[in-house]
Amino acid sequence: MSGTISWLVTGAAGQLGTDLQAVLADRPGHGDTVTALGRGQLDLTDEDGVRSTVRDWLTAAEGRGDRPVLINAAAYTAVDAAETDEDTAALVNGAAPGWLAQELAGRGRLVHVSTDYVFDGTATTPYGTGDTPAPRTAYGRTKLAGERAVSAVDDDAVVVRTAWVYAAHGTNFVRTMLRLEAERDTVSVVADQTGSPTWSADLAAGLVQLAATGTRGLLHATDTGTTTWHGLAREVFALTGADPDRVRPTTTDAFPRPAHRPAYSVLDPASWTAAGLTPLPAWPDALRACLDRLGVLRG
């Protein structure tokens, strides 16, 4: 094969999928081919359709002499809706990654994105890749099933867990805080959940770097450092020139939701750095860069 890569990005219209396309478009001098498929082009509940699409892509890549690499950024991420629609979530999050891994076995590389929700959130120190998963939600259970489906194929694949992802586009916590800052005098945000806010642009760059290597197995990747949702909201306000004291702390119990929210979602990045990969930036620096990209940075 040549040194070029044929990339297939699933979940192309999502936060991560959008940023993956941007990162791949900026790879200079590689001559790679990028195929990006959203839900309209790839229905992950349709096994025959998934397998057929991946086979066609693989055949085309092999015809060009390229190395095929698929980054699966697609997921059923409606955490609350999954509680009453677990069958659909199980197909998208659990079964489909296995179908992808099976089709790629012996022919291409798979990078599959998973989540902190595979853990119960009761830890007080960062979760390592060797810690035992214990999901407490339908979303977490189905994502864990997807990890295991990929691992069962035991081929050129790597699973990457991440957490608290936001982007400069789409619907996410950071953009919601920007909207609420303009609409309300004060905003109440939970202060009893801890994690590592992760800019999807950083994660996308890391996944592309990882995909071009031969690393296999299970890794954790987030921007570095920790805070609470309340702390993140205060930083959004401060960096955009608003008074951070307008963000009032509250508790998870004050905002009851169908799906349990982990109290502690910090993932240990030791596996990432041990693989020789570039550490992701500190979350305050990443947030600043994201807000700068949005044109709202004032702090």
Foldseek 3Di string as FASTA:
>chain_A
DDQEEEEEEEQCPDFLNVLLVVLVVPPPPRPYHYHYDYCVQAPLLDLVSLLVVLLVSLVVCVVVVHAYEYEYPDADPPFQVCQVVLVSRLSRQAVSLLSNLVSCAPRHAYEYEAELQQAQQPDPDADEPPDHGDHQGSNNVSNVNSLVSNVVSVGQYEYEYEYQEDELDDDHLLVVLVVVLVVDQAAEDEFQAKEAHAYSNLVSNQVVVVRSDRDHYYFYAGADDMGGSLVVSLLSQVQLVHHSVSYHYDHPVVPDGNTDDRSYRYHDRPRVVVVVTDHGHHRSVVVQVSCVVNVRGDD
